[in-house]
């Protein structure tokens, strides 16, 4: 594997489209809650509903779209989902300009964007599998991972500044335009994409086909369960960490943003290092080691002190967590794509995404209730203890079955 080599112009267009949409997404991160609070004067219950209900309903809407995507050429689906996200997001500044913006519109748009996100991700994974040779999948996923962490580090601070200086819908406009540019980039990818060979009609039982594949695959099943529990606990405690830092310990909002933006640069370093680690130690040892190491950091946040030392403390902890995740994620994404038959990539990736969003929503709700009884610090500590069990869900040995064929008869 040559880490610096080009993967060809078609991949460069796909990577460019991913980069511009990733930066747009992170520029718009938190824009809807800010609009709800500062423009629509919504209360805590409404803002929480916007953060949880929209993505949850969007994930439910996306369930039948996975099998549908498997029966379509992937590039037109990706362009279509980008245009859906552009149209829905651009309606927000249009309504704001006309004085018609409402909480209901924000909720509907969040549902549409969540469903389109999942559908786009499943289609793009299937498209990448056919675009890049198997030996280059890790390199490609590493580049996506590094781009995502760079966008995560730069996007929210810039989006927050744009919100404050240029107006409350500026970051939403930027996010919408990024999806339009992404659609143009994907449209520019040259070459023919063959039609899928699935001819059987779509049936109700196909909706669960992705989950059946994940839960019966000896290599993917433990990784699937590990990711659900780990992501649920990590993301479910993020609101509690915000309360702990901003309310209990008195950190300023800019300090809170800095504490998470700077460590994201570690994700850039980790993702670039991943191909070298896999070359030297092998895929499975890197996957298991990074997967176990990422579980060791959450508990430390329960002991977060205040003051300047606390700011440095949380940055070090987040840096360790993000570096481990940035090594684990591209290896997992590559292994997952390798194991999926070409005619069910989209439905299985969709099932994975829907399950992950559901797990995060569930854990967020449960830990919110728990924090109401125990306080944010104790609730984070309990999650930190539980996440220490996630390495036991990782496969102890590489139980990869024979490489699946590119065409498997449809179960429909």
Protein backbone atom coordinates (compact mmCIF):
# COMPACT_ATOMS: atom_id res chain seq x y z
CA UNK A 1 0.00 0.00 0.00
CA UNK A 2 1.47 3.35 -1.06
CA UNK A 3 -0.01 5.93 1.28
CA UNK A 4 0.59 9.01 -0.84
CA UNK A 5 -0.50 7.73 -4.21
CA UNK A 6 -3.45 8.99 -6.15
CA UNK A 7 -6.58 6.86 -6.33
CA UNK A 8 -7.59 8.38 -9.64
CA UNK A 9 -9.71 11.32 -10.80
CA UNK A 10 -13.03 9.60 -10.07
CA UNK A 11 -12.08 9.13 -6.42
CA UNK A 12 -10.80 12.72 -6.25
CA UNK A 13 -14.23 13.99 -7.32
CA UNK A 14 -15.92 11.79 -4.71
CA UNK A 15 -13.47 12.89 -2.02
CA UNK A 16 -13.94 16.56 -2.96
CA UNK A 17 -17.72 16.17 -2.75
CA UNK A 18 -17.37 14.52 0.65
CA UNK A 19 -15.03 17.26 1.88
CA UNK A 20 -17.27 20.15 0.90
CA UNK A 21 -20.38 18.56 2.39
CA UNK A 22 -18.51 17.61 5.58
CA UNK A 23 -17.31 21.18 6.08
CA UNK A 24 -20.79 22.48 5.35
CA UNK A 25 -22.34 20.08 7.85
CA UNK A 26 -19.95 21.10 10.60
CA UNK A 27 -20.33 24.79 9.77
CA UNK A 28 -24.05 24.30 10.38
CA UNK A 29 -23.56 22.20 13.50
CA UNK A 30 -25.85 23.44 16.26
CA UNK A 31 -27.56 25.98 14.00
CA UNK A 32 -31.06 24.57 14.49
CA UNK A 33 -30.96 24.62 18.32
CA UNK A 34 -29.57 28.17 18.19
CA UNK A 35 -32.35 29.24 15.83
CA UNK A 36 -34.93 27.58 18.06
CA UNK A 37 -33.60 29.30 21.18
CA UNK A 38 -32.61 32.76 19.91
CA UNK A 39 -35.10 33.32 17.08
CA UNK A 40 -38.14 31.23 18.02
CA UNK A 41 -37.61 31.50 21.81
CA UNK A 42 -38.17 27.76 22.30
CA UNK A 43 -37.79 26.21 25.74
CA UNK A 44 -35.57 23.33 26.86
CA UNK A 45 -38.20 20.66 26.13
CA UNK A 46 -38.70 21.86 22.56
CA UNK A 47 -34.95 22.11 21.92
CA UNK A 48 -34.41 18.59 23.27
CA UNK A 49 -37.20 17.32 21.04
CA UNK A 50 -35.58 18.98 18.04
CA UNK A 51 -32.26 17.30 18.83
CA UNK A 52 -33.71 13.83 19.44
CA UNK A 53 -37.02 13.42 17.64
CA UNK A 54 -35.90 14.75 14.26
CA UNK A 55 -32.99 12.33 13.78
CA UNK A 56 -34.96 9.44 15.30
CA UNK A 57 -37.93 9.90 12.96
CA UNK A 58 -35.52 10.45 10.07
CA UNK A 59 -33.86 7.11 10.84
CA UNK A 60 -37.28 5.42 10.83
CA UNK A 61 -38.10 6.99 7.47
CA UNK A 62 -34.76 5.73 6.09
CA UNK A 63 -35.45 2.06 6.92
CA UNK A 64 -37.19 1.16 3.61
CA UNK A 65 -34.75 3.25 1.60
CA UNK A 66 -31.79 0.90 2.13
CA UNK A 67 -33.23 -2.01 0.12
CA UNK A 68 -34.51 0.50 -2.42
CA UNK A 69 -31.01 1.91 -2.92
CA UNK A 70 -29.64 -1.59 -3.57
CA UNK A 71 -31.92 -1.74 -6.61
CA UNK A 72 -30.69 1.56 -8.05
CA UNK A 73 -27.49 2.95 -9.48
CA UNK A 74 -25.78 4.64 -6.57
CA UNK A 75 -24.48 7.86 -8.11
CA UNK A 76 -27.95 9.21 -9.08
CA UNK A 77 -29.18 8.35 -5.57
CA UNK A 78 -26.30 10.30 -4.04
CA UNK A 79 -26.98 13.31 -6.26
CA UNK A 80 -30.69 13.10 -5.42
CA UNK A 81 -30.05 12.99 -1.67
CA UNK A 82 -27.72 15.98 -1.91
CA UNK A 83 -30.40 17.94 -3.75
CA UNK A 84 -33.05 16.91 -1.20
CA UNK A 85 -30.84 18.18 1.61
CA UNK A 86 -30.11 21.40 -0.28
CA UNK A 87 -33.79 22.09 -0.96
CA UNK A 88 -34.92 21.34 2.59
CA UNK A 89 -32.16 23.39 4.23
CA UNK A 90 -32.50 26.38 1.92
CA UNK A 91 -36.17 26.60 2.89
CA UNK A 92 -35.06 27.71 6.38
CA UNK A 93 -33.35 30.99 5.39
CA UNK A 94 -36.13 31.60 2.86
CA UNK A 95 -38.78 31.29 5.58
CA UNK A 96 -36.68 33.41 7.96
CA UNK A 97 -36.38 36.18 5.36
CA UNK A 98 -40.16 36.17 4.93
CA UNK A 99 -40.83 36.10 8.66
CA UNK A 100 -42.46 32.66 8.37
CA UNK A 101 -39.91 30.45 10.16
CA UNK A 102 -41.52 28.10 12.68
CA UNK A 103 -40.45 25.36 15.05
CA UNK A 104 -42.49 22.85 13.05
CA UNK A 105 -40.48 23.67 9.93
CA UNK A 106 -37.20 23.11 11.76
CA UNK A 107 -38.49 19.75 12.98
CA UNK A 108 -39.62 18.64 9.51
CA UNK A 109 -36.36 19.73 7.91
CA UNK A 110 -34.34 17.84 10.54
CA UNK A 111 -36.33 14.68 9.75
CA UNK A 112 -35.76 15.04 6.00
CA UNK A 113 -32.05 15.76 6.41
CA UNK A 114 -31.57 12.80 8.79
CA UNK A 115 -33.26 10.39 6.38
CA UNK A 116 -31.29 11.77 3.42
CA UNK A 117 -28.04 11.52 5.41
CA UNK A 118 -28.55 7.82 6.05
CA UNK A 119 -29.59 7.11 2.47
CA UNK A 120 -26.64 9.04 1.04
CA UNK A 121 -24.20 7.24 3.36
CA UNK A 122 -25.48 3.81 2.36
CA UNK A 123 -25.34 4.67 -1.35
CA UNK A 124 -21.88 6.21 -1.11
CA UNK A 125 -20.50 3.15 0.68
CA UNK A 126 -21.79 0.90 -2.08
CA UNK A 127 -20.43 3.29 -4.72
CA UNK A 128 -17.00 3.39 -3.07
CA UNK A 129 -16.84 -0.42 -3.00
CA UNK A 130 -17.22 -0.48 -6.79
CA UNK A 131 -15.01 2.56 -7.40
CA UNK A 132 -11.85 1.66 -5.48
CA UNK A 133 -9.88 -1.61 -5.74
CA UNK A 134 -10.13 -3.72 -2.56
CA UNK A 135 -6.49 -3.14 -1.68
CA UNK A 136 -7.09 0.65 -1.64
CA UNK A 137 -10.24 0.72 0.49
CA UNK A 138 -8.33 1.41 3.70
CA UNK A 139 -6.44 4.27 2.06
CA UNK A 140 -9.70 5.76 0.78
CA UNK A 141 -11.48 5.41 4.13
CA UNK A 142 -8.48 6.93 5.90
CA UNK A 143 -8.72 9.99 3.67
CA UNK A 144 -12.43 10.36 4.42
CA UNK A 145 -11.71 10.00 8.13
CA UNK A 146 -8.98 12.65 8.13
CA UNK A 147 -11.25 15.02 6.20
CA UNK A 148 -14.06 14.50 8.68
CA UNK A 149 -11.88 15.29 11.70
CA UNK A 150 -10.45 18.38 10.01
CA UNK A 151 -13.98 19.60 9.30
CA UNK A 152 -15.00 18.79 12.88
CA UNK A 153 -12.13 20.90 14.23
CA UNK A 154 -12.71 23.93 11.98
CA UNK A 155 -16.43 23.91 11.20
CA UNK A 156 -18.19 24.62 14.53
CA UNK A 157 -15.99 27.59 15.54
CA UNK A 158 -16.35 29.15 12.09
CA UNK A 159 -20.08 28.43 12.06
CA UNK A 160 -20.50 29.98 15.47
CA UNK A 161 -18.60 33.09 14.37
CA UNK A 162 -20.71 33.34 11.21
CA UNK A 163 -23.88 33.03 13.32
CA UNK A 164 -22.75 35.88 15.57
CA UNK A 165 -21.35 38.22 12.91
CA UNK A 166 -23.37 37.57 9.74
CA UNK A 167 -26.75 36.54 11.09
CA UNK A 168 -28.61 33.51 12.46
CA UNK A 169 -29.17 31.66 9.16
CA UNK A 170 -25.71 32.13 7.63
CA UNK A 171 -24.38 28.72 8.65
CA UNK A 172 -27.59 27.06 7.40
CA UNK A 173 -27.08 28.72 4.01
CA UNK A 174 -23.47 27.52 3.94
CA UNK A 175 -24.58 23.98 4.79
CA UNK A 176 -27.24 24.02 2.07
CA UNK A 177 -24.80 25.30 -0.57
CA UNK A 178 -22.29 22.61 0.43
CA UNK A 179 -24.79 19.91 -0.55
CA UNK A 180 -25.40 21.59 -3.89
CA UNK A 181 -21.65 21.66 -4.55
CA UNK A 182 -21.41 18.04 -3.45
CA UNK A 183 -24.10 17.08 -5.96
CA UNK A 184 -22.18 18.86 -8.72
CA UNK A 185 -18.97 17.07 -7.72
CA UNK A 186 -20.61 13.64 -7.76
CA UNK A 187 -22.25 14.50 -11.05
CA UNK A 188 -18.79 15.24 -12.48
CA UNK A 189 -17.53 11.69 -11.79
CA UNK A 190 -16.95 10.16 -15.18
CA UNK A 191 -17.53 6.57 -16.19
CA UNK A 192 -20.49 4.27 -16.44
CA UNK A 193 -22.08 2.67 -13.42
CA UNK A 194 -23.73 -0.68 -14.17
CA UNK A 195 -27.30 -1.27 -13.14
CA UNK A 196 -27.69 -3.66 -10.16
CA UNK A 197 -28.63 -7.21 -11.09
CA UNK A 198 -31.42 -7.38 -8.51
CA UNK A 199 -34.63 -8.07 -10.40
CA UNK A 200 -36.92 -9.44 -7.68
CA UNK A 201 -39.59 -7.02 -6.41
CA UNK A 202 -39.06 -5.33 -3.07
CA UNK A 203 -40.88 -7.14 -0.27
CA UNK A 204 -41.55 -6.31 3.35
CA UNK A 205 -39.05 -8.93 4.57
CA UNK A 206 -36.29 -7.11 2.68
CA UNK A 207 -36.53 -4.27 5.20
CA UNK A 208 -34.87 -6.47 7.82
CA UNK A 209 -32.34 -8.05 5.46
CA UNK A 210 -29.53 -5.71 6.53
CA UNK A 211 -30.00 -6.60 10.19
CA UNK A 212 -30.18 -10.32 9.37
CA UNK A 213 -26.86 -10.10 7.58
CA UNK A 214 -25.17 -8.18 10.40
CA UNK A 215 -26.46 -10.47 13.15
CA UNK A 216 -25.49 -13.70 11.36
CA UNK A 217 -22.05 -12.60 10.15
CA UNK A 218 -19.42 -13.96 12.60
CA UNK A 219 -17.07 -11.02 12.09
CA UNK A 220 -19.51 -8.12 11.83
CA UNK A 221 -21.91 -9.17 14.61
CA UNK A 222 -19.54 -8.45 17.54
CA UNK A 223 -18.34 -5.23 15.92
CA UNK A 224 -21.93 -4.10 15.35
CA UNK A 225 -22.82 -4.67 19.01
CA UNK A 226 -19.61 -2.98 20.15
CA UNK A 227 -20.28 0.14 18.07
CA UNK A 228 -23.89 0.43 19.25
CA UNK A 229 -22.93 0.34 22.92
CA UNK A 230 -19.79 2.46 22.59
CA UNK A 231 -21.33 5.20 20.43
CA UNK A 232 -24.48 5.24 22.53
CA UNK A 233 -22.55 5.78 25.76
CA UNK A 234 -20.09 8.31 24.33
CA UNK A 235 -22.64 10.43 22.47
CA UNK A 236 -25.34 9.97 25.10
CA UNK A 237 -23.17 11.68 27.71
CA UNK A 238 -22.18 14.66 25.55
CA UNK A 239 -25.09 16.84 26.78
CA UNK A 240 -24.17 15.98 30.36
CA UNK A 241 -20.57 17.00 29.75
CA UNK A 242 -21.83 20.32 28.42
CA UNK A 243 -23.89 20.85 31.60
CA UNK A 244 -20.92 19.84 33.77
CA UNK A 245 -18.53 22.24 32.04
CA UNK A 246 -20.78 25.21 31.32
CA UNK A 247 -23.05 25.17 34.36
CA UNK A 248 -21.39 23.25 37.20
CA UNK A 249 -17.75 24.21 36.59
CA UNK A 250 -18.33 27.63 35.04
CA UNK A 251 -16.39 27.28 31.79
CA UNK A 252 -17.09 29.96 29.18
CA UNK A 253 -18.74 28.87 25.91
CA UNK A 254 -15.57 29.63 23.95
CA UNK A 255 -13.59 27.39 26.31
CA UNK A 256 -16.12 24.61 25.82
CA UNK A 257 -15.80 24.91 22.04
CA UNK A 258 -12.01 25.04 22.20
CA UNK A 259 -11.89 21.95 24.42
CA UNK A 260 -13.40 19.84 21.63
CA UNK A 261 -12.14 21.62 18.50
CA UNK A 262 -8.40 21.36 19.18
CA UNK A 263 -8.35 17.61 20.00
CA UNK A 264 -10.06 16.90 16.67
CA UNK A 265 -6.73 17.59 15.02
CA UNK A 266 -5.61 14.34 16.64
CA UNK A 267 -8.15 12.62 14.43
CA UNK A 268 -6.28 13.92 11.40
CA UNK A 269 -3.02 12.47 12.73
CA UNK A 270 -4.57 9.14 13.72
CA UNK A 271 -6.33 8.56 10.42
CA UNK A 272 -3.16 9.32 8.47
CA UNK A 273 -1.21 6.91 10.65
CA UNK A 274 -3.69 4.06 10.25
CA UNK A 275 -2.41 2.58 6.94
CA UNK A 276 1.12 2.41 8.37
CA UNK A 277 -0.10 0.66 11.52
CA UNK A 278 -2.06 -1.89 9.49
CA UNK A 279 0.95 -2.55 7.27
CA UNK A 280 3.16 -3.22 10.27
CA UNK A 281 0.87 -5.02 12.70
CA UNK A 282 -2.02 -6.34 10.60
CA UNK A 283 -5.64 -5.28 10.35
CA UNK A 284 -7.17 -7.34 13.15
CA UNK A 285 -4.62 -6.43 15.86
CA UNK A 286 -5.00 -2.72 15.00
CA UNK A 287 -8.80 -3.00 15.03
CA UNK A 288 -8.92 -4.71 18.42
CA UNK A 289 -6.21 -2.60 20.05
CA UNK A 290 -7.68 0.73 18.92
CA UNK A 291 -11.19 -0.48 19.77
CA UNK A 292 -10.11 -1.38 23.29
CA UNK A 293 -8.01 1.76 23.81
CA UNK A 294 -10.88 4.11 22.90
CA UNK A 295 -12.89 2.72 25.84
CA UNK A 296 -10.41 3.98 28.44
CA UNK A 297 -11.09 7.73 28.26
CA UNK A 298 -14.71 8.47 29.15
CA UNK A 299 -14.37 7.59 32.84
CA UNK A 300 -11.63 10.22 33.22
CA UNK A 301 -14.13 12.96 32.33
CA UNK A 302 -16.07 12.22 35.52
CA UNK A 303 -13.10 13.64 37.46
CA UNK A 304 -12.83 16.85 35.40
CA UNK A 305 -11.55 19.76 37.56
CA UNK A 306 -12.37 23.43 37.04
CA UNK A 307 -10.14 26.28 35.94
CA UNK A 308 -7.35 26.35 33.38
CA UNK A 309 -6.14 22.95 34.53
CA UNK A 310 -9.57 21.52 33.81
CA UNK A 311 -9.51 22.91 30.28
CA UNK A 312 -6.14 21.29 29.62
CA UNK A 313 -7.38 18.08 31.27
CA UNK A 314 -10.44 17.70 29.06
CA UNK A 315 -8.40 18.49 25.94
CA UNK A 316 -5.90 15.73 26.74
CA UNK A 317 -8.67 13.21 27.44
CA UNK A 318 -10.56 14.11 24.26
CA UNK A 319 -7.32 13.95 22.26
CA UNK A 320 -6.67 10.40 23.44
CA UNK A 321 -10.25 9.34 22.68
CA UNK A 322 -10.27 10.92 19.22
CA UNK A 323 -6.90 9.48 18.16
CA UNK A 324 -8.06 5.97 19.10
CA UNK A 325 -11.38 6.44 17.27
CA UNK A 326 -9.68 7.83 14.17
CA UNK A 327 -7.57 4.67 13.91
CA UNK A 328 -10.45 2.31 14.63
CA UNK A 329 -13.04 3.88 12.31
CA UNK A 330 -11.35 3.52 8.88
CA UNK A 331 -10.24 -0.04 9.65
CA UNK A 332 -13.80 -0.94 10.65
CA UNK A 333 -15.27 0.80 7.59
CA UNK A 334 -12.88 -1.04 5.28
CA UNK A 335 -13.51 -4.45 6.83
CA UNK A 336 -17.26 -3.89 6.73
CA UNK A 337 -17.26 -3.00 3.04
CA UNK A 338 -15.09 -6.00 2.23
CA UNK A 339 -17.57 -8.35 3.87
CA UNK A 340 -20.75 -6.99 2.25
CA UNK A 341 -22.02 -8.58 -0.97
CA UNK A 342 -22.39 -5.98 -3.69
CA UNK A 343 -26.17 -6.39 -3.96
CA UNK A 344 -26.85 -5.64 -0.29
CA UNK A 345 -24.26 -3.05 0.68
CA UNK A 346 -26.76 -0.18 0.89
CA UNK A 347 -29.38 -1.97 2.96
CA UNK A 348 -26.78 -3.25 5.43
CA UNK A 349 -25.05 0.11 5.81
CA UNK A 350 -28.48 1.69 6.25
CA UNK A 351 -29.34 -0.83 8.98
CA UNK A 352 -26.05 -0.01 10.70
CA UNK A 353 -26.70 3.75 10.57
CA UNK A 354 -30.32 3.47 11.71
CA UNK A 355 -29.30 1.28 14.64
CA UNK A 356 -26.50 3.63 15.66
CA UNK A 357 -28.80 6.65 15.66
CA UNK A 358 -31.41 4.74 17.64
CA UNK A 359 -28.81 3.66 20.20
CA UNK A 360 -27.55 7.22 20.62
CA UNK A 361 -31.08 8.59 21.01
CA UNK A 362 -31.93 5.91 23.58
CA UNK A 363 -28.76 6.41 25.61
CA UNK A 364 -29.16 10.19 25.52
CA UNK A 365 -32.67 9.91 26.93
CA UNK A 366 -31.70 7.34 29.59
CA UNK A 367 -28.64 9.26 30.75
CA UNK A 368 -30.63 12.47 30.87
CA UNK A 369 -33.02 10.82 33.31
CA UNK A 370 -30.13 9.29 35.26
CA UNK A 371 -28.40 12.67 35.57
CA UNK A 372 -31.62 14.10 36.98
CA UNK A 373 -31.25 11.75 39.95
CA UNK A 374 -27.46 11.54 40.33
CA UNK A 375 -26.04 14.70 38.76
CA UNK A 376 -24.03 15.03 35.57
CA UNK A 377 -20.67 13.99 37.03
CA UNK A 378 -21.95 10.73 38.54
CA UNK A 379 -23.91 9.86 35.38
CA UNK A 380 -20.80 10.37 33.25
CA UNK A 381 -18.86 8.17 35.66
CA UNK A 382 -21.42 5.36 35.38
CA UNK A 383 -21.22 5.55 31.59
CA UNK A 384 -17.43 5.52 31.84
CA UNK A 385 -17.51 2.29 33.86
CA UNK A 386 -19.95 0.66 31.45
CA UNK A 387 -17.95 1.63 28.38
CA UNK A 388 -14.99 -0.29 29.84
CA UNK A 389 -16.96 -3.44 29.04
CA UNK A 390 -17.15 -2.69 25.32
CA UNK A 391 -13.77 -4.27 24.47
CA UNK A 392 -15.24 -7.63 25.49
CA UNK A 393 -17.60 -7.31 22.51
CA UNK A 394 -14.68 -7.08 20.08
CA UNK A 395 -13.77 -10.28 18.20
CA UNK A 396 -10.79 -11.91 19.88
CA UNK A 397 -9.58 -13.41 16.62
CA UNK A 398 -10.12 -12.73 12.98
CA UNK A 399 -13.15 -14.83 12.13
CA UNK A 400 -13.50 -13.46 8.64
CA UNK A 401 -15.47 -15.87 6.46
CA UNK A 402 -14.66 -16.47 2.86
CA UNK A 403 -14.78 -13.29 0.79
CA UNK A 404 -18.37 -12.81 -0.40
CA UNK A 405 -19.02 -12.93 -4.08
CA UNK A 406 -19.89 -9.73 -5.87
CA UNK A 407 -23.35 -10.95 -6.75
CA UNK A 408 -25.58 -12.86 -4.36
CA UNK A 409 -29.11 -13.90 -5.29
CA UNK A 410 -31.64 -11.54 -3.80
CA UNK A 411 -33.67 -12.77 -0.87
CA UNK A 412 -36.57 -10.69 -2.14
